[in-house]
């Protein structure tokens, strides 16, 4: 009897299995890769479509470079670099004239010491002396350079243009109370903001 029922049960089990819930089919690696690429392109397309469109604007023209202005010559420096707070002295020499030393002038030695951080153009103005000497003279001094000059004894006004491309500037010092009154070596210290005359 079992032999007669067995084929029926087997047929019934096959039928039930065929009509029952189906399993999820698995995808091949090629199908998975294709699906991922399609999804990625869909995201790119949607993102591009969401970007707002703008009207193209004209690019600004480049700003022209500044023009180079040469430094004034040393014979004009004192007149050009004087400012309201650092004015050049009243000039009894009938204008800013170059210094001419008379035969009776008493001389001293000045050590011009550049501590301004770059090359400088220095003007030294000599107030009128008892011998009638007055006027100014100009010097170009390299960075950290020291120059010794012979100069008439008297009172001085100093002005310097600092020719440092990274940190240009002007420096001033002296006045009627800044005087060398002997023949010893005097030190003129030229800093970034101030110029001092120091006794030996």
C-alpha atoms as a PDB file:
ATOM      1  CA  UNK A   1       0.000   0.000   0.000  1.00  0.00           C
ATOM      2  CA  UNK A   2       2.852   2.351   0.819  1.00  0.00           C
ATOM      3  CA  UNK A   3       4.197   1.694  -2.646  1.00  0.00           C
ATOM      4  CA  UNK A   4       0.904   2.855  -4.178  1.00  0.00           C
ATOM      5  CA  UNK A   5       0.642   6.028  -2.040  1.00  0.00           C
ATOM      6  CA  UNK A   6       4.271   7.109  -2.435  1.00  0.00           C
ATOM      7  CA  UNK A   7       3.991   8.300  -6.051  1.00  0.00           C
ATOM      8  CA  UNK A   8       0.857  10.272  -5.160  1.00  0.00           C
ATOM      9  CA  UNK A   9       2.589  11.943  -2.201  1.00  0.00           C
ATOM     10  CA  UNK A  10       5.576  12.729  -4.329  1.00  0.00           C
ATOM     11  CA  UNK A  11       3.402  14.280  -6.999  1.00  0.00           C
ATOM     12  CA  UNK A  12       1.466  16.235  -4.369  1.00  0.00           C
ATOM     13  CA  UNK A  13       4.718  17.554  -2.791  1.00  0.00           C
ATOM     14  CA  UNK A  14       6.007  18.668  -6.192  1.00  0.00           C
ATOM     15  CA  UNK A  15       2.737  20.462  -6.910  1.00  0.00           C
ATOM     16  CA  UNK A  16       2.759  22.250  -3.524  1.00  0.00           C
ATOM     17  CA  UNK A  17       6.373  23.233  -3.983  1.00  0.00           C
ATOM     18  CA  UNK A  18       5.655  24.637  -7.445  1.00  0.00           C
ATOM     19  CA  UNK A  19       2.715  26.693  -6.199  1.00  0.00           C
ATOM     20  CA  UNK A  20       4.370  27.997  -3.014  1.00  0.00           C
ATOM     21  CA  UNK A  21       6.312  31.218  -2.571  1.00  0.00           C
ATOM     22  CA  UNK A  22       9.189  31.641  -4.998  1.00  0.00           C
ATOM     23  CA  UNK A  23      12.760  32.489  -3.772  1.00  0.00           C
ATOM     24  CA  UNK A  24      14.544  35.695  -4.788  1.00  0.00           C
ATOM     25  CA  UNK A  25      16.626  35.122  -7.868  1.00  0.00           C
ATOM     26  CA  UNK A  26      20.306  35.980  -7.475  1.00  0.00           C
ATOM     27  CA  UNK A  27      21.999  38.380  -9.921  1.00  0.00           C
ATOM     28  CA  UNK A  28      25.163  37.607 -11.759  1.00  0.00           C
ATOM     29  CA  UNK A  29      28.249  39.843 -11.089  1.00  0.00           C
ATOM     30  CA  UNK A  30      27.814  41.453 -14.516  1.00  0.00           C
ATOM     31  CA  UNK A  31      24.184  42.348 -13.701  1.00  0.00           C
ATOM     32  CA  UNK A  32      25.221  43.849 -10.307  1.00  0.00           C
ATOM     33  CA  UNK A  33      27.937  45.958 -11.983  1.00  0.00           C
ATOM     34  CA  UNK A  34      25.546  47.171 -14.700  1.00  0.00           C
ATOM     35  CA  UNK A  35      22.915  48.143 -12.113  1.00  0.00           C
ATOM     36  CA  UNK A  36      25.494  50.101 -10.043  1.00  0.00           C
ATOM     37  CA  UNK A  37      26.723  52.003 -13.123  1.00  0.00           C
ATOM     38  CA  UNK A  38      23.152  52.839 -14.174  1.00  0.00           C
ATOM     39  CA  UNK A  39      22.355  54.128 -10.662  1.00  0.00           C
ATOM     40  CA  UNK A  40      25.525  56.248 -10.615  1.00  0.00           C
ATOM     41  CA  UNK A  41      24.715  57.861 -13.971  1.00  0.00           C
ATOM     42  CA  UNK A  42      21.188  58.567 -12.773  1.00  0.00           C
ATOM     43  CA  UNK A  43      22.582  60.417  -9.712  1.00  0.00           C
ATOM     44  CA  UNK A  44      25.017  62.418 -11.857  1.00  0.00           C
ATOM     45  CA  UNK A  45      22.244  63.370 -14.278  1.00  0.00           C
ATOM     46  CA  UNK A  46      19.873  64.457 -11.506  1.00  0.00           C
ATOM     47  CA  UNK A  47      22.623  66.476  -9.773  1.00  0.00           C
ATOM     48  CA  UNK A  48      23.544  68.256 -13.000  1.00  0.00           C
ATOM     49  CA  UNK A  49      19.895  69.054 -13.650  1.00  0.00           C
ATOM     50  CA  UNK A  50      19.546  70.550 -10.142  1.00  0.00           C
ATOM     51  CA  UNK A  51      22.434  73.031 -10.587  1.00  0.00           C
ATOM     52  CA  UNK A  52      20.962  76.500 -11.261  1.00  0.00           C
ATOM     53  CA  UNK A  53      21.884  77.991 -14.581  1.00  0.00           C
ATOM     54  CA  UNK A  54      23.428  81.442 -14.661  1.00  0.00           C
ATOM     55  CA  UNK A  55      24.005  83.969 -17.374  1.00  0.00           C
ATOM     56  CA  UNK A  56      27.662  84.098 -18.318  1.00  0.00           C
ATOM     57  CA  UNK A  57      29.315  87.278 -17.037  1.00  0.00           C
ATOM     58  CA  UNK A  58      32.175  89.054 -18.689  1.00  0.00           C
ATOM     59  CA  UNK A  59      35.484  88.562 -16.907  1.00  0.00           C
ATOM     60  CA  UNK A  60      36.983  91.817 -15.582  1.00  0.00           C
ATOM     61  CA  UNK A  61      40.011  93.070 -17.420  1.00  0.00           C
ATOM     62  CA  UNK A  62      43.290  92.697 -15.512  1.00  0.00           C
ATOM     63  CA  UNK A  63      44.365  95.638 -13.364  1.00  0.00           C
ATOM     64  CA  UNK A  64      47.337  97.394 -14.939  1.00  0.00           C
ATOM     65  CA  UNK A  65      50.616  97.101 -13.053  1.00  0.00           C
ATOM     66  CA  UNK A  66      51.852 100.211 -11.239  1.00  0.00           C
ATOM     67  CA  UNK A  67      54.310 102.333 -13.144  1.00  0.00           C
ATOM     68  CA  UNK A  68      57.831 102.733 -11.833  1.00  0.00           C
ATOM     69  CA  UNK A  69      58.715 106.201 -10.598  1.00  0.00           C
ATOM     70  CA  UNK A  70      62.444 106.805 -10.300  1.00  0.00           C
ATOM     71  CA  UNK A  71      63.787 108.167  -7.032  1.00  0.00           C
ATOM     72  CA  UNK A  72      64.629 111.852  -6.957  1.00  0.00           C
ATOM     73  CA  UNK A  73      68.261 112.774  -7.323  1.00  0.00           C
ATOM     74  CA  UNK A  74      70.170 113.458  -4.100  1.00  0.00           C
ATOM     75  CA  UNK A  75      70.294 117.175  -4.879  1.00  0.00           C
ATOM     76  CA  UNK A  76      66.484 117.374  -4.594  1.00  0.00           C
ATOM     77  CA  UNK A  77      65.847 114.911  -1.780  1.00  0.00           C
ATOM     78  CA  UNK A  78      65.575 117.308   1.141  1.00  0.00           C
ATOM     79  CA  UNK A  79      62.956 119.467  -0.540  1.00  0.00           C
ATOM     80  CA  UNK A  80      60.913 116.484  -1.693  1.00  0.00           C
ATOM     81  CA  UNK A  81      60.918 114.331   1.434  1.00  0.00           C
ATOM     82  CA  UNK A  82      60.146 117.036   3.984  1.00  0.00           C
ATOM     83  CA  UNK A  83      56.692 116.548   5.500  1.00  0.00           C
ATOM     84  CA  UNK A  84      54.471 118.720   7.765  1.00  0.00           C
ATOM     85  CA  UNK A  85      55.766 116.870  10.832  1.00  0.00           C
ATOM     86  CA  UNK A  86      59.390 116.698   9.659  1.00  0.00           C
ATOM     87  CA  UNK A  87      59.933 119.973   7.885  1.00  0.00           C
ATOM     88  CA  UNK A  88      63.243 121.080   6.504  1.00  0.00           C
ATOM     89  CA  UNK A  89      64.748 124.129   8.206  1.00  0.00           C
ATOM     90  CA  UNK A  90      64.173 127.664   6.996  1.00  0.00           C
ATOM     91  CA  UNK A  91      66.859 128.165   4.394  1.00  0.00           C
ATOM     92  CA  UNK A  92      69.099 131.231   4.650  1.00  0.00           C
ATOM     93  CA  UNK A  93      70.963 129.927   1.593  1.00  0.00           C
ATOM     94  CA  UNK A  94      68.457 131.358  -0.928  1.00  0.00           C
ATOM     95  CA  UNK A  95      66.951 128.019  -1.853  1.00  0.00           C
ATOM     96  CA  UNK A  96      68.094 124.470  -1.379  1.00  0.00           C
ATOM     97  CA  UNK A  97      71.569 124.797  -2.740  1.00  0.00           C
ATOM     98  CA  UNK A  98      74.369 122.276  -2.742  1.00  0.00           C
ATOM     99  CA  UNK A  99      76.850 122.651   0.060  1.00  0.00           C
ATOM    100  CA  UNK A 100      79.969 124.615  -0.836  1.00  0.00           C
ATOM    101  CA  UNK A 101      82.639 124.633   1.864  1.00  0.00           C
ATOM    102  CA  UNK A 102      84.544 127.871   2.428  1.00  0.00           C
ATOM    103  CA  UNK A 103      88.277 127.930   2.999  1.00  0.00           C
ATOM    104  CA  UNK A 104      87.865 128.970   6.658  1.00  0.00           C
ATOM    105  CA  UNK A 105      85.388 126.229   7.632  1.00  0.00           C
ATOM    106  CA  UNK A 106      86.242 124.016  10.569  1.00  0.00           C
ATOM    107  CA  UNK A 107      85.794 120.373   9.627  1.00  0.00           C
ATOM    108  CA  UNK A 108      84.686 117.265  11.485  1.00  0.00           C
ATOM    109  CA  UNK A 109      84.314 113.635  10.491  1.00  0.00           C
ATOM    110  CA  UNK A 110      80.909 111.962  10.210  1.00  0.00           C
ATOM    111  CA  UNK A 111      80.438 108.208  10.060  1.00  0.00           C
ATOM    112  CA  UNK A 112      77.185 107.607   8.168  1.00  0.00           C
ATOM    113  CA  UNK A 113      75.912 104.292   9.516  1.00  0.00           C
ATOM    114  CA  UNK A 114      72.994 102.708   7.589  1.00  0.00           C
ATOM    115  CA  UNK A 115      70.789 100.661   9.955  1.00  0.00           C
ATOM    116  CA  UNK A 116      67.526 101.160   8.010  1.00  0.00           C
ATOM    117  CA  UNK A 117      67.268  97.633   6.579  1.00  0.00           C
ATOM    118  CA  UNK A 118      67.891  98.575   2.945  1.00  0.00           C
ATOM    119  CA  UNK A 119      69.909 100.911   0.742  1.00  0.00           C
ATOM    120  CA  UNK A 120      69.226 104.605   1.363  1.00  0.00           C
ATOM    121  CA  UNK A 121      69.534 108.009  -0.248  1.00  0.00           C
ATOM    122  CA  UNK A 122      70.620 110.437   2.490  1.00  0.00           C
ATOM    123  CA  UNK A 123      70.501 114.233   2.492  1.00  0.00           C
ATOM    124  CA  UNK A 124      72.463 116.239   5.061  1.00  0.00           C
ATOM    125  CA  UNK A 125      71.494 119.873   5.459  1.00  0.00           C
ATOM    126  CA  UNK A 126      74.036 122.191   7.139  1.00  0.00           C
ATOM    127  CA  UNK A 127      72.556 125.241   8.890  1.00  0.00           C
ATOM    128  CA  UNK A 128      74.425 128.476   8.203  1.00  0.00           C
ATOM    129  CA  UNK A 129      77.749 128.564  10.072  1.00  0.00           C
ATOM    130  CA  UNK A 130      79.726 131.637  11.228  1.00  0.00           C
ATOM    131  CA  UNK A 131      81.800 131.173   8.063  1.00  0.00           C
ATOM    132  CA  UNK A 132      78.690 131.398   5.860  1.00  0.00           C
ATOM    133  CA  UNK A 133      78.655 127.719   4.913  1.00  0.00           C
ATOM    134  CA  UNK A 134      75.188 126.245   4.432  1.00  0.00           C
ATOM    135  CA  UNK A 135      73.276 123.971   2.082  1.00  0.00           C
ATOM    136  CA  UNK A 136      72.950 120.277   1.659  1.00  0.00           C
ATOM    137  CA  UNK A 137      74.632 117.282   0.105  1.00  0.00           C
ATOM    138  CA  UNK A 138      73.358 113.833  -0.867  1.00  0.00           C
ATOM    139  CA  UNK A 139      74.766 110.319  -0.455  1.00  0.00           C
ATOM    140  CA  UNK A 140      73.761 106.845  -1.603  1.00  0.00           C
ATOM    141  CA  UNK A 141      74.584 104.275   1.075  1.00  0.00           C
ATOM    142  CA  UNK A 142      74.153 100.505   0.750  1.00  0.00           C
ATOM    143  CA  UNK A 143      72.376  98.277   3.254  1.00  0.00           C
ATOM    144  CA  UNK A 144      74.373  97.994   6.524  1.00  0.00           C
ATOM    145  CA  UNK A 145      77.147 100.103   4.972  1.00  0.00           C
ATOM    146  CA  UNK A 146      79.252 102.626   6.911  1.00  0.00           C
ATOM    147  CA  UNK A 147      80.764 105.637   5.157  1.00  0.00           C
ATOM    148  CA  UNK A 148      83.119 108.205   6.712  1.00  0.00           C
ATOM    149  CA  UNK A 149      83.051 111.739   5.281  1.00  0.00           C
ATOM    150  CA  UNK A 150      84.658 115.068   6.139  1.00  0.00           C
ATOM    151  CA  UNK A 151      82.000 117.707   6.780  1.00  0.00           C
ATOM    152  CA  UNK A 152      81.919 121.252   8.144  1.00  0.00           C
ATOM    153  CA  UNK A 153      81.279 121.581  11.874  1.00  0.00           C
ATOM    154  CA  UNK A 154      77.821 122.928  12.563  1.00  0.00           C
ATOM    155  CA  UNK A 155      74.201 121.912  13.076  1.00  0.00           C
ATOM    156  CA  UNK A 156      72.464 119.442  10.789  1.00  0.00           C
ATOM    157  CA  UNK A 157      69.114 118.210   9.554  1.00  0.00           C
ATOM    158  CA  UNK A 158      69.072 114.658   8.161  1.00  0.00           C
ATOM    159  CA  UNK A 159      66.526 113.080   5.799  1.00  0.00           C
ATOM    160  CA  UNK A 160      66.690 109.644   4.182  1.00  0.00           C
ATOM    161  CA  UNK A 161      64.656 107.707   1.658  1.00  0.00           C
ATOM    162  CA  UNK A 162      64.793 103.972   2.427  1.00  0.00           C
ATOM    163  CA  UNK A 163      64.948 102.134  -0.898  1.00  0.00           C
ATOM    164  CA  UNK A 164      63.846  98.732   0.430  1.00  0.00           C
ATOM    165  CA  UNK A 165      61.334  97.191  -2.043  1.00  0.00           C
ATOM    166  CA  UNK A 166      59.735  95.098   0.725  1.00  0.00           C
ATOM    167  CA  UNK A 167      59.568  97.894   3.297  1.00  0.00           C
ATOM    168  CA  UNK A 168      60.201 101.349   1.783  1.00  0.00           C
ATOM    169  CA  UNK A 169      60.062 104.430   3.969  1.00  0.00           C
ATOM    170  CA  UNK A 170      61.498 107.753   5.085  1.00  0.00           C
ATOM    171  CA  UNK A 171      63.575 108.662   8.092  1.00  0.00           C
ATOM    172  CA  UNK A 172      64.352 112.074   9.619  1.00  0.00           C
ATOM    173  CA  UNK A 173      66.423 113.562  12.414  1.00  0.00           C
ATOM    174  CA  UNK A 174      68.441 116.487  13.633  1.00  0.00           C
ATOM    175  CA  UNK A 175      67.643 120.177  13.767  1.00  0.00           C
ATOM    176  CA  UNK A 176      69.322 123.329  15.012  1.00  0.00           C
ATOM    177  CA  UNK A 177      70.196 121.587  18.294  1.00  0.00           C
ATOM    178  CA  UNK A 178      71.932 118.666  16.555  1.00  0.00           C
ATOM    179  CA  UNK A 179      75.473 119.908  16.130  1.00  0.00           C
ATOM    180  CA  UNK A 180      79.038 118.648  15.827  1.00  0.00           C
ATOM    181  CA  UNK A 181      81.373 121.155  17.504  1.00  0.00           C
ATOM    182  CA  UNK A 182      84.795 119.511  17.272  1.00  0.00           C
ATOM    183  CA  UNK A 183      86.989 117.604  14.844  1.00  0.00           C
ATOM    184  CA  UNK A 184      86.372 114.179  16.425  1.00  0.00           C
ATOM    185  CA  UNK A 185      84.525 111.365  14.631  1.00  0.00           C
ATOM    186  CA  UNK A 186      80.730 111.712  15.042  1.00  0.00           C
ATOM    187  CA  UNK A 187      78.314 108.860  14.295  1.00  0.00           C
ATOM    188  CA  UNK A 188      75.143 109.438  12.254  1.00  0.00           C
ATOM    189  CA  UNK A 189      72.898 106.408  12.923  1.00  0.00           C
ATOM    190  CA  UNK A 190      70.258 106.103  10.201  1.00  0.00           C
ATOM    191  CA  UNK A 191      67.374 103.922  11.418  1.00  0.00           C
ATOM    192  CA  UNK A 192      64.023 102.974   9.882  1.00  0.00           C
ATOM    193  CA  UNK A 193      62.194 105.883  11.546  1.00  0.00           C
ATOM    194  CA  UNK A 194      64.815 108.150  13.115  1.00  0.00           C
ATOM    195  CA  UNK A 195      68.288 109.530  12.433  1.00  0.00           C
ATOM    196  CA  UNK A 196      70.530 110.368  15.398  1.00  0.00           C
ATOM    197  CA  UNK A 197      73.838 112.205  15.644  1.00  0.00           C
ATOM    198  CA  UNK A 198      75.940 110.715  18.425  1.00  0.00           C
ATOM    199  CA  UNK A 199      79.055 112.207  19.926  1.00  0.00           C
ATOM    200  CA  UNK A 200      82.245 110.152  19.968  1.00  0.00           C
END
